[in-house]
Amino acid sequence: MGKTGYFDICGVLPPLITPFTESGDVDFEAFGRNIERLNQTGLRGYLVLGSNGETPYIDERDKIELVRLCAKKAAPGRIIMAGTGLESTAATVELTRRAADAGAQCALVLTPSYYGGQMGDDAQIAYFTAVADQSPIPVLIYNVTKFTHVNISAAAVSRLSQHPNIIGMKDSSGNIAGLIGYMTAGLDPQFNLLVGTASAWYPALCIGIRGAVMALANCCPNECVQVQTLYDAGQREDALALYKRVFPVNACVTNALGVPALKYACDRLGFEGGLTRSPLLPLGKAQCAQVDAVLQKAGLL
């Protein structure tokens, strides 16, 4: 059975940051201006409400407004993906429907994890099948083990890939062996397996991955896109050199220091990071200096 709403996802999407004001409100104007700047790059589209958007701290009203604003501001032809995964099936379906009404073209659905010990293959398959059955837009699985501590198995992904309304998965583990495990598990040909971190971008290209959703693309969109452009043009050494140059930036702003550092890097590189939302803390002076040093070494400042 073919995919009913399938489309190919080749290229880079950033999981958009969500700027906040000093009063703690979502800074919708800054969010919109960031998209306008990102429209000038070769990005394939945008993920609204990803992990790097501080999504767990945003209420449903603001979530839907962010999706609506992204759909309005995005350049023609850009994919609008919305993170809609919640812990219950019913809540996920409802948020997915509302995001679709606001302009999302596909939904990225997080693996449920609160009762992690009971989220084996049968539970995950039942959950994603139920969401996909009721979703008006295509669904992608979101596997981010560092936050959920749940890793969806290759067997479960293979089975879910056959669903006509499940068109892919973002795997943020950074594990190349794991990606190969998914690729060799018998995925449907119409299934987008996306890498979810810039730390694995070049190796993922080497094994045949064609799309990525990566935090680094918020502050270094051109570099993230150029790695793939060079690779596809056969300039593998240049692609590898660029990947190695920005790798320490990704290691700093996504692994070591997290969202506050990513937002600070955005501020330093011409975007509007804005403040984080409590309980996340802003960077201290020493951490800001650490990010500056990494950006300078990468030739970005």
C-alpha atoms as a PDB file:
ATOM      1  CA  MET A   1       0.000   0.000   0.000  1.00  0.00           C
ATOM      2  CA  GLY A   2       1.451   3.355  -1.031  1.00  0.00           C
ATOM      3  CA  LYS A   3       1.701   6.349   1.253  1.00  0.00           C
ATOM      4  CA  THR A   4      -1.356   8.565   1.036  1.00  0.00           C
ATOM      5  CA  GLY A   5       0.420  11.837   1.833  1.00  0.00           C
ATOM      6  CA  TYR A   6       4.039  10.898   1.192  1.00  0.00           C
ATOM      7  CA  PHE A   7       6.659  13.452   0.244  1.00  0.00           C
ATOM      8  CA  ASP A   8      10.413  13.101   0.089  1.00  0.00           C
ATOM      9  CA  ILE A   9      12.425  14.935   2.746  1.00  0.00           C
ATOM     10  CA  CYS A  10      15.905  15.594   1.406  1.00  0.00           C
ATOM     11  CA  GLY A  11      17.887  18.394   3.001  1.00  0.00           C
ATOM     12  CA  VAL A  12      18.199  20.169   6.330  1.00  0.00           C
ATOM     13  CA  LEU A  13      15.492  21.421   8.697  1.00  0.00           C
ATOM     14  CA  PRO A  14      16.246  23.260  11.948  1.00  0.00           C
ATOM     15  CA  PRO A  15      14.204  22.512  15.061  1.00  0.00           C
ATOM     16  CA  LEU A  16      13.388  26.176  15.525  1.00  0.00           C
ATOM     17  CA  ILE A  17      14.317  27.875  18.772  1.00  0.00           C
ATOM     18  CA  THR A  18      11.577  29.754  20.623  1.00  0.00           C
ATOM     19  CA  PRO A  19      12.702  33.198  21.815  1.00  0.00           C
ATOM     20  CA  PHE A  20      11.218  34.417  25.100  1.00  0.00           C
ATOM     21  CA  THR A  21      10.984  37.952  26.458  1.00  0.00           C
ATOM     22  CA  GLU A  22      12.221  39.139  29.853  1.00  0.00           C
ATOM     23  CA  SER A  23       8.689  38.676  31.178  1.00  0.00           C
ATOM     24  CA  GLY A  24       8.759  35.034  30.098  1.00  0.00           C
ATOM     25  CA  ASP A  25       6.333  35.369  27.191  1.00  0.00           C
ATOM     26  CA  VAL A  26       6.920  33.866  23.751  1.00  0.00           C
ATOM     27  CA  ASP A  27       8.529  36.519  21.557  1.00  0.00           C
ATOM     28  CA  PHE A  28       6.501  35.877  18.415  1.00  0.00           C
ATOM     29  CA  GLU A  29       8.023  38.838  16.561  1.00  0.00           C
ATOM     30  CA  ALA A  30      11.574  37.577  17.084  1.00  0.00           C
ATOM     31  CA  PHE A  31      10.454  34.067  16.087  1.00  0.00           C
ATOM     32  CA  GLY A  32       9.059  35.442  12.837  1.00  0.00           C
ATOM     33  CA  ARG A  33      12.180  37.483  12.102  1.00  0.00           C
ATOM     34  CA  ASN A  34      14.354  34.396  12.568  1.00  0.00           C
ATOM     35  CA  ILE A  35      12.312  32.552   9.956  1.00  0.00           C
ATOM     36  CA  GLU A  36      12.623  35.485   7.545  1.00  0.00           C
ATOM     37  CA  ARG A  37      16.412  35.307   7.900  1.00  0.00           C
ATOM     38  CA  LEU A  38      16.441  31.525   7.562  1.00  0.00           C
ATOM     39  CA  ASN A  39      14.370  31.861   4.381  1.00  0.00           C
ATOM     40  CA  GLN A  40      17.490  33.328   2.741  1.00  0.00           C
ATOM     41  CA  THR A  41      19.326  30.015   3.160  1.00  0.00           C
ATOM     42  CA  GLY A  42      18.993  26.653   1.432  1.00  0.00           C
ATOM     43  CA  LEU A  43      17.098  24.958   4.243  1.00  0.00           C
ATOM     44  CA  ARG A  44      14.445  22.410   3.231  1.00  0.00           C
ATOM     45  CA  GLY A  45      11.939  23.510   5.826  1.00  0.00           C
ATOM     46  CA  TYR A  46      11.311  24.035   9.528  1.00  0.00           C
ATOM     47  CA  LEU A  47      10.404  21.983  12.565  1.00  0.00           C
ATOM     48  CA  VAL A  48       8.256  23.952  14.995  1.00  0.00           C
ATOM     49  CA  LEU A  49       7.923  22.618  18.555  1.00  0.00           C
ATOM     50  CA  GLY A  50      10.984  20.412  18.642  1.00  0.00           C
ATOM     51  CA  SER A  51      13.127  19.714  21.699  1.00  0.00           C
ATOM     52  CA  ASN A  52      15.307  22.742  21.002  1.00  0.00           C
ATOM     53  CA  GLY A  53      12.203  24.933  20.910  1.00  0.00           C
ATOM     54  CA  GLU A  54      11.687  24.348  24.663  1.00  0.00           C
ATOM     55  CA  THR A  55       8.384  22.761  23.711  1.00  0.00           C
ATOM     56  CA  PRO A  56       7.651  21.116  27.092  1.00  0.00           C
ATOM     57  CA  TYR A  57       7.449  24.622  28.579  1.00  0.00           C
ATOM     58  CA  ILE A  58       4.948  26.019  26.051  1.00  0.00           C
ATOM     59  CA  ASP A  59       1.175  25.879  26.475  1.00  0.00           C
ATOM     60  CA  GLU A  60      -1.095  24.660  23.701  1.00  0.00           C
ATOM     61  CA  ARG A  61      -2.351  28.100  22.673  1.00  0.00           C
ATOM     62  CA  ASP A  62       1.188  29.367  22.067  1.00  0.00           C
ATOM     63  CA  LYS A  63       2.176  26.127  20.363  1.00  0.00           C
ATOM     64  CA  ILE A  64      -0.554  26.550  17.775  1.00  0.00           C
ATOM     65  CA  GLU A  65       0.295  30.220  17.263  1.00  0.00           C
ATOM     66  CA  LEU A  66       3.946  29.293  16.614  1.00  0.00           C
ATOM     67  CA  VAL A  67       2.874  26.759  13.981  1.00  0.00           C
ATOM     68  CA  ARG A  68       0.554  29.303  12.380  1.00  0.00           C
ATOM     69  CA  LEU A  69       3.263  31.967  12.322  1.00  0.00           C
ATOM     70  CA  CYS A  70       5.837  29.590  10.850  1.00  0.00           C
ATOM     71  CA  ALA A  71       3.458  28.573   8.074  1.00  0.00           C
ATOM     72  CA  LYS A  72       2.802  32.246   7.343  1.00  0.00           C
ATOM     73  CA  LYS A  73       6.452  33.335   7.361  1.00  0.00           C
ATOM     74  CA  ALA A  74       8.096  30.359   5.649  1.00  0.00           C
ATOM     75  CA  ALA A  75       9.278  30.772   2.078  1.00  0.00           C
ATOM     76  CA  PRO A  76       7.275  28.903  -0.590  1.00  0.00           C
ATOM     77  CA  GLY A  77       8.167  25.253  -0.877  1.00  0.00           C
ATOM     78  CA  ARG A  78       9.470  24.868   2.667  1.00  0.00           C
ATOM     79  CA  ILE A  79       8.222  21.907   4.678  1.00  0.00           C
ATOM     80  CA  ILE A  80       6.380  22.857   7.858  1.00  0.00           C
ATOM     81  CA  MET A  81       6.798  20.071  10.414  1.00  0.00           C
ATOM     82  CA  ALA A  82       5.270  20.330  13.885  1.00  0.00           C
ATOM     83  CA  GLY A  83       6.221  18.411  17.001  1.00  0.00           C
ATOM     84  CA  THR A  84       2.921  17.123  18.393  1.00  0.00           C
ATOM     85  CA  GLY A  85       3.856  14.129  20.513  1.00  0.00           C
ATOM     86  CA  LEU A  86       2.377  14.074  24.018  1.00  0.00           C
ATOM     87  CA  GLU A  87       2.106  11.242  26.517  1.00  0.00           C
ATOM     88  CA  SER A  88      -1.445  10.137  25.754  1.00  0.00           C
ATOM     89  CA  THR A  89      -2.763   9.004  22.397  1.00  0.00           C
ATOM     90  CA  ALA A  90      -5.848  11.221  22.604  1.00  0.00           C
ATOM     91  CA  ALA A  91      -3.868  14.366  23.476  1.00  0.00           C
ATOM     92  CA  THR A  92      -1.396  13.694  20.662  1.00  0.00           C
ATOM     93  CA  VAL A  93      -4.177  13.245  18.129  1.00  0.00           C
ATOM     94  CA  GLU A  94      -5.878  16.465  19.249  1.00  0.00           C
ATOM     95  CA  LEU A  95      -2.686  18.547  19.088  1.00  0.00           C
ATOM     96  CA  THR A  96      -1.815  17.030  15.705  1.00  0.00           C
ATOM     97  CA  ARG A  97      -5.210  17.991  14.308  1.00  0.00           C
ATOM     98  CA  ARG A  98      -4.886  21.536  15.635  1.00  0.00           C
ATOM     99  CA  ALA A  99      -1.354  21.863  14.227  1.00  0.00           C
ATOM    100  CA  ALA A 100      -2.602  20.668  10.838  1.00  0.00           C
ATOM    101  CA  ASP A 101      -5.342  23.299  10.905  1.00  0.00           C
ATOM    102  CA  ALA A 102      -2.650  25.907  11.674  1.00  0.00           C
ATOM    103  CA  GLY A 103      -0.607  24.960   8.616  1.00  0.00           C
ATOM    104  CA  ALA A 104       1.623  22.018   9.567  1.00  0.00           C
ATOM    105  CA  GLN A 105       2.228  19.665   6.651  1.00  0.00           C
ATOM    106  CA  CYS A 106       3.471  16.771   8.763  1.00  0.00           C
ATOM    107  CA  ALA A 107       3.730  15.874  12.442  1.00  0.00           C
ATOM    108  CA  LEU A 108       6.795  14.719  14.350  1.00  0.00           C
ATOM    109  CA  VAL A 109       5.534  12.500  17.156  1.00  0.00           C
ATOM    110  CA  LEU A 110       7.690  11.766  20.184  1.00  0.00           C
ATOM    111  CA  THR A 111       7.858   8.252  21.573  1.00  0.00           C
ATOM    112  CA  PRO A 112       5.773   8.181  24.791  1.00  0.00           C
ATOM    113  CA  SER A 113       8.051   7.532  27.730  1.00  0.00           C
ATOM    114  CA  TYR A 114       6.587   8.341  31.152  1.00  0.00           C
ATOM    115  CA  TYR A 115       5.810   4.675  31.753  1.00  0.00           C
ATOM    116  CA  GLY A 116       9.009   3.724  29.968  1.00  0.00           C
ATOM    117  CA  GLY A 117       9.174   0.169  31.256  1.00  0.00           C
ATOM    118  CA  GLN A 118       5.873  -0.587  29.545  1.00  0.00           C
ATOM    119  CA  MET A 119       6.693   1.117  26.249  1.00  0.00           C
ATOM    120  CA  GLY A 120       7.889  -1.955  24.391  1.00  0.00           C
ATOM    121  CA  ASP A 121       7.251  -2.800  20.741  1.00  0.00           C
ATOM    122  CA  ASP A 122       3.566  -3.636  21.144  1.00  0.00           C
ATOM    123  CA  ALA A 123       2.789  -0.384  22.980  1.00  0.00           C
ATOM    124  CA  GLN A 124       4.776   1.772  20.564  1.00  0.00           C
ATOM    125  CA  ILE A 125       3.235   0.126  17.505  1.00  0.00           C
ATOM    126  CA  ALA A 126      -0.274   0.535  18.916  1.00  0.00           C
ATOM    127  CA  TYR A 127       0.363   4.173  19.823  1.00  0.00           C
ATOM    128  CA  PHE A 128       1.837   5.307  16.506  1.00  0.00           C
ATOM    129  CA  THR A 129      -0.731   3.317  14.536  1.00  0.00           C
ATOM    130  CA  ALA A 130      -3.591   4.974  16.415  1.00  0.00           C
ATOM    131  CA  VAL A 131      -2.106   8.449  15.963  1.00  0.00           C
ATOM    132  CA  ALA A 132      -1.442   7.891  12.269  1.00  0.00           C
ATOM    133  CA  ASP A 133      -4.922   6.447  11.701  1.00  0.00           C
ATOM    134  CA  GLN A 134      -6.488   9.630  13.073  1.00  0.00           C
ATOM    135  CA  SER A 135      -4.024  12.245  11.842  1.00  0.00           C
ATOM    136  CA  PRO A 136      -5.036  14.437   8.883  1.00  0.00           C
ATOM    137  CA  ILE A 137      -1.358  14.919   7.969  1.00  0.00           C
ATOM    138  CA  PRO A 138       1.525  12.459   7.556  1.00  0.00           C
ATOM    139  CA  VAL A 139       3.317  11.374  10.723  1.00  0.00           C
ATOM    140  CA  LEU A 140       6.990  10.880  11.508  1.00  0.00           C
ATOM    141  CA  ILE A 141       8.356   9.051  14.549  1.00  0.00           C
ATOM    142  CA  TYR A 142      10.649  11.042  16.840  1.00  0.00           C
ATOM    143  CA  ASN A 143      13.285   8.915  18.572  1.00  0.00           C
ATOM    144  CA  VAL A 144      15.305  11.002  21.046  1.00  0.00           C
ATOM    145  CA  THR A 145      16.657   8.644  23.660  1.00  0.00           C
ATOM    146  CA  LYS A 146      18.641  11.220  25.657  1.00  0.00           C
ATOM    147  CA  PHE A 147      15.359  12.828  26.750  1.00  0.00           C
ATOM    148  CA  THR A 148      12.904   9.923  26.726  1.00  0.00           C
ATOM    149  CA  HIS A 149      15.268   7.078  27.727  1.00  0.00           C
ATOM    150  CA  VAL A 150      13.184   4.937  25.392  1.00  0.00           C
ATOM    151  CA  ASN A 151      14.637   3.614  22.140  1.00  0.00           C
ATOM    152  CA  ILE A 152      12.155   2.363  19.565  1.00  0.00           C
ATOM    153  CA  SER A 153      13.337  -0.908  18.065  1.00  0.00           C
ATOM    154  CA  ALA A 154      14.208  -1.540  14.436  1.00  0.00           C
ATOM    155  CA  ALA A 155      11.509  -4.210  14.289  1.00  0.00           C
ATOM    156  CA  ALA A 156       8.855  -1.758  15.477  1.00  0.00           C
ATOM    157  CA  VAL A 157      10.005   0.926  13.043  1.00  0.00           C
ATOM    158  CA  SER A 158      10.007  -1.563  10.177  1.00  0.00           C
ATOM    159  CA  ARG A 159       6.415  -2.530  10.914  1.00  0.00           C
ATOM    160  CA  LEU A 160       5.283   1.095  11.399  1.00  0.00           C
ATOM    161  CA  SER A 161       6.989   2.122   8.154  1.00  0.00           C
ATOM    162  CA  GLN A 162       4.372   0.096   6.281  1.00  0.00           C
ATOM    163  CA  HIS A 163       1.547   2.332   7.573  1.00  0.00           C
ATOM    164  CA  PRO A 164       0.211   4.531   4.743  1.00  0.00           C
ATOM    165  CA  ASN A 165       0.299   7.663   6.921  1.00  0.00           C
ATOM    166  CA  ILE A 166       3.703   7.167   8.598  1.00  0.00           C
ATOM    167  CA  ILE A 167       6.333   8.655   6.278  1.00  0.00           C
ATOM    168  CA  GLY A 168       9.519   8.688   8.307  1.00  0.00           C
ATOM    169  CA  MET A 169      11.486   8.960  11.523  1.00  0.00           C
ATOM    170  CA  LYS A 170      13.888  11.436  13.069  1.00  0.00           C
ATOM    171  CA  ASP A 171      16.541   9.513  14.981  1.00  0.00           C
ATOM    172  CA  SER A 172      18.461  11.797  17.332  1.00  0.00           C
ATOM    173  CA  SER A 173      20.642   9.147  18.928  1.00  0.00           C
ATOM    174  CA  GLY A 174      23.659  10.062  16.797  1.00  0.00           C
ATOM    175  CA  ASN A 175      24.346   6.336  16.565  1.00  0.00           C
ATOM    176  CA  ILE A 176      25.402   5.384  13.038  1.00  0.00           C
ATOM    177  CA  ALA A 177      25.222   1.662  13.806  1.00  0.00           C
ATOM    178  CA  GLY A 178      21.682   2.224  15.019  1.00  0.00           C
ATOM    179  CA  LEU A 179      20.783   4.044  11.807  1.00  0.00           C
ATOM    180  CA  ILE A 180      22.134   1.167   9.754  1.00  0.00           C
ATOM    181  CA  GLY A 181      20.101  -1.180  11.920  1.00  0.00           C
ATOM    182  CA  TYR A 182      16.947   0.729  11.003  1.00  0.00           C
ATOM    183  CA  MET A 183      17.936   0.873   7.326  1.00  0.00           C
ATOM    184  CA  THR A 184      18.454  -2.879   7.123  1.00  0.00           C
ATOM    185  CA  ALA A 185      15.316  -3.855   9.063  1.00  0.00           C
ATOM    186  CA  GLY A 186      13.050  -3.819   6.019  1.00  0.00           C
ATOM    187  CA  LEU A 187      11.737  -0.256   5.856  1.00  0.00           C
ATOM    188  CA  ASP A 188       9.073   0.685   3.359  1.00  0.00           C
ATOM    189  CA  PRO A 189      10.719   2.352   0.310  1.00  0.00           C
ATOM    190  CA  GLN A 190       8.599   5.445   0.969  1.00  0.00           C
ATOM    191  CA  PHE A 191      10.036   6.155   4.407  1.00  0.00           C
ATOM    192  CA  ASN A 192      12.244   9.116   5.267  1.00  0.00           C
ATOM    193  CA  LEU A 193      14.899   8.117   7.777  1.00  0.00           C
ATOM    194  CA  LEU A 194      16.307  11.407   9.069  1.00  0.00           C
ATOM    195  CA  VAL A 195      19.353  12.017  11.221  1.00  0.00           C
ATOM    196  CA  GLY A 196      18.570  14.209  14.217  1.00  0.00           C
ATOM    197  CA  THR A 197      21.929  15.705  15.109  1.00  0.00           C
ATOM    198  CA  ALA A 198      24.707  17.510  13.242  1.00  0.00           C
ATOM    199  CA  SER A 199      27.254  15.349  15.064  1.00  0.00           C
ATOM    200  CA  ALA A 200      26.324  12.464  12.745  1.00  0.00           C
ATOM    201  CA  TRP A 201      25.606  14.463   9.557  1.00  0.00           C
ATOM    202  CA  TYR A 202      28.587  13.533   7.371  1.00  0.00           C
ATOM    203  CA  PRO A 203      28.686   9.858   8.424  1.00  0.00           C
ATOM    204  CA  ALA A 204      24.922   9.675   7.844  1.00  0.00           C
ATOM    205  CA  LEU A 205      25.346  10.994   4.303  1.00  0.00           C
ATOM    206  CA  CYS A 206      27.951   8.312   3.701  1.00  0.00           C
ATOM    207  CA  ILE A 207      25.461   5.529   4.517  1.00  0.00           C
ATOM    208  CA  GLY A 208      22.704   6.984   2.356  1.00  0.00           C
ATOM    209  CA  ILE A 209      20.724   9.254   4.699  1.00  0.00           C
ATOM    210  CA  ARG A 210      19.411  12.222   2.711  1.00  0.00           C
ATOM    211  CA  GLY A 211      17.665  14.413   5.284  1.00  0.00           C
ATOM    212  CA  ALA A 212      18.343  15.907   8.696  1.00  0.00           C
ATOM    213  CA  VAL A 213      16.664  17.859  11.486  1.00  0.00           C
ATOM    214  CA  MET A 214      19.506  19.438  13.455  1.00  0.00           C
ATOM    215  CA  ALA A 215      19.762  22.098  16.145  1.00  0.00           C
ATOM    216  CA  LEU A 216      22.973  23.515  14.664  1.00  0.00           C
ATOM    217  CA  ALA A 217      20.991  24.705  11.635  1.00  0.00           C
ATOM    218  CA  ASN A 218      19.445  27.428  13.807  1.00  0.00           C
ATOM    219  CA  CYS A 219      22.752  29.275  14.069  1.00  0.00           C
ATOM    220  CA  CYS A 220      24.797  27.738  11.220  1.00  0.00           C
ATOM    221  CA  PRO A 221      22.213  27.004   8.516  1.00  0.00           C
ATOM    222  CA  ASN A 222      24.511  27.660   5.568  1.00  0.00           C
ATOM    223  CA  GLU A 223      27.232  25.388   6.877  1.00  0.00           C
ATOM    224  CA  CYS A 224      24.800  22.545   7.588  1.00  0.00           C
ATOM    225  CA  VAL A 225      23.327  22.810   4.097  1.00  0.00           C
ATOM    226  CA  GLN A 226      26.750  23.143   2.472  1.00  0.00           C
ATOM    227  CA  VAL A 227      27.999  19.868   3.938  1.00  0.00           C
ATOM    228  CA  GLN A 228      25.310  18.048   1.943  1.00  0.00           C
ATOM    229  CA  THR A 229      25.730  20.245  -1.140  1.00  0.00           C
ATOM    230  CA  LEU A 230      29.451  19.492  -1.291  1.00  0.00           C
ATOM    231  CA  TYR A 231      28.882  15.815  -0.616  1.00  0.00           C
ATOM    232  CA  ASP A 232      26.287  15.509  -3.373  1.00  0.00           C
ATOM    233  CA  ALA A 233      28.603  17.326  -5.788  1.00  0.00           C
ATOM    234  CA  GLY A 234      31.295  14.714  -5.190  1.00  0.00           C
ATOM    235  CA  GLN A 235      33.478  17.101  -3.189  1.00  0.00           C
ATOM    236  CA  ARG A 236      33.727  14.671  -0.313  1.00  0.00           C
ATOM    237  CA  GLU A 237      36.976  16.000   1.174  1.00  0.00           C
ATOM    238  CA  ASP A 238      35.589  19.527   1.301  1.00  0.00           C
ATOM    239  CA  ALA A 239      32.351  18.278   2.838  1.00  0.00           C
ATOM    240  CA  LEU A 240      34.280  16.345   5.479  1.00  0.00           C
ATOM    241  CA  ALA A 241      36.500  19.341   6.259  1.00  0.00           C
ATOM    242  CA  LEU A 242      33.476  21.603   6.769  1.00  0.00           C
ATOM    243  CA  TYR A 243      31.752  18.982   8.919  1.00  0.00           C
ATOM    244  CA  LYS A 244      34.850  18.707  11.108  1.00  0.00           C
ATOM    245  CA  ARG A 245      35.077  22.495  11.394  1.00  0.00           C
ATOM    246  CA  VAL A 246      31.551  22.907  12.769  1.00  0.00           C
ATOM    247  CA  PHE A 247      31.485  19.658  14.757  1.00  0.00           C
ATOM    248  CA  PRO A 248      32.911  21.305  17.927  1.00  0.00           C
ATOM    249  CA  VAL A 249      30.235  24.000  17.703  1.00  0.00           C
ATOM    250  CA  ASN A 250      27.516  21.372  17.707  1.00  0.00           C
ATOM    251  CA  ALA A 251      29.200  19.492  20.540  1.00  0.00           C
ATOM    252  CA  CYS A 252      29.205  22.697  22.596  1.00  0.00           C
ATOM    253  CA  VAL A 253      25.737  24.086  21.903  1.00  0.00           C
ATOM    254  CA  THR A 254      23.721  20.872  21.766  1.00  0.00           C
ATOM    255  CA  ASN A 255      25.562  18.354  23.932  1.00  0.00           C
ATOM    256  CA  ALA A 256      27.678  20.158  26.513  1.00  0.00           C
ATOM    257  CA  LEU A 257      25.679  23.328  27.274  1.00  0.00           C
ATOM    258  CA  GLY A 258      22.333  22.736  25.566  1.00  0.00           C
ATOM    259  CA  VAL A 259      19.557  25.115  24.573  1.00  0.00           C
ATOM    260  CA  PRO A 260      20.851  28.193  26.444  1.00  0.00           C
ATOM    261  CA  ALA A 261      24.124  27.922  24.514  1.00  0.00           C
ATOM    262  CA  LEU A 262      22.320  27.364  21.224  1.00  0.00           C
ATOM    263  CA  LYS A 263      20.288  30.527  21.793  1.00  0.00           C
ATOM    264  CA  TYR A 264      23.416  32.480  22.733  1.00  0.00           C
ATOM    265  CA  ALA A 265      25.159  31.243  19.564  1.00  0.00           C
ATOM    266  CA  CYS A 266      22.140  32.384  17.557  1.00  0.00           C
ATOM    267  CA  ASP A 267      22.446  35.840  19.130  1.00  0.00           C
ATOM    268  CA  ARG A 268      26.135  35.979  18.215  1.00  0.00           C
ATOM    269  CA  LEU A 269      25.579  34.839  14.623  1.00  0.00           C
ATOM    270  CA  GLY A 270      22.865  37.234  13.478  1.00  0.00           C
ATOM    271  CA  PHE A 271      19.697  35.587  14.754  1.00  0.00           C
ATOM    272  CA  GLU A 272      17.534  36.314  17.793  1.00  0.00           C
ATOM    273  CA  GLY A 273      17.941  33.654  20.431  1.00  0.00           C
ATOM    274  CA  GLY A 274      16.120  35.510  23.127  1.00  0.00           C
ATOM    275  CA  LEU A 275      15.931  34.299  26.695  1.00  0.00           C
ATOM    276  CA  THR A 276      15.285  30.756  27.858  1.00  0.00           C
ATOM    277  CA  ARG A 277      12.163  29.920  29.834  1.00  0.00           C
ATOM    278  CA  SER A 278      12.399  28.905  33.484  1.00  0.00           C
ATOM    279  CA  PRO A 279      13.526  26.488  34.821  1.00  0.00           C
ATOM    280  CA  LEU A 280      16.281  26.637  32.183  1.00  0.00           C
ATOM    281  CA  LEU A 281      18.973  29.062  33.271  1.00  0.00           C
ATOM    282  CA  PRO A 282      20.797  31.547  31.011  1.00  0.00           C
ATOM    283  CA  LEU A 283      24.501  31.077  30.417  1.00  0.00           C
ATOM    284  CA  GLY A 284      26.991  32.496  32.875  1.00  0.00           C
ATOM    285  CA  LYS A 285      29.898  34.661  31.743  1.00  0.00           C
ATOM    286  CA  ALA A 286      32.339  31.750  31.661  1.00  0.00           C
ATOM    287  CA  GLN A 287      29.965  29.695  29.528  1.00  0.00           C
ATOM    288  CA  CYS A 288      29.421  32.609  27.128  1.00  0.00           C
ATOM    289  CA  ALA A 289      33.183  32.898  26.749  1.00  0.00           C
ATOM    290  CA  GLN A 290      33.347  29.163  26.088  1.00  0.00           C
ATOM    291  CA  VAL A 291      30.801  29.427  23.269  1.00  0.00           C
ATOM    292  CA  ASP A 292      32.570  32.486  21.827  1.00  0.00           C
ATOM    293  CA  ALA A 293      35.865  30.609  21.754  1.00  0.00           C
ATOM    294  CA  VAL A 294      34.322  27.671  19.911  1.00  0.00           C
ATOM    295  CA  LEU A 295      32.621  29.955  17.385  1.00  0.00           C
ATOM    296  CA  GLN A 296      35.870  31.850  16.780  1.00  0.00           C
ATOM    297  CA  LYS A 297      37.869  28.672  16.283  1.00  0.00           C
ATOM    298  CA  ALA A 298      35.283  27.521  13.726  1.00  0.00           C
ATOM    299  CA  GLY A 299      35.716  30.787  11.827  1.00  0.00           C
ATOM    300  CA  LEU A 300      32.141  31.883  12.469  1.00  0.00           C
ATOM    301  CA  LEU A 301      32.896  35.063  14.446  1.00  0.00           C
END
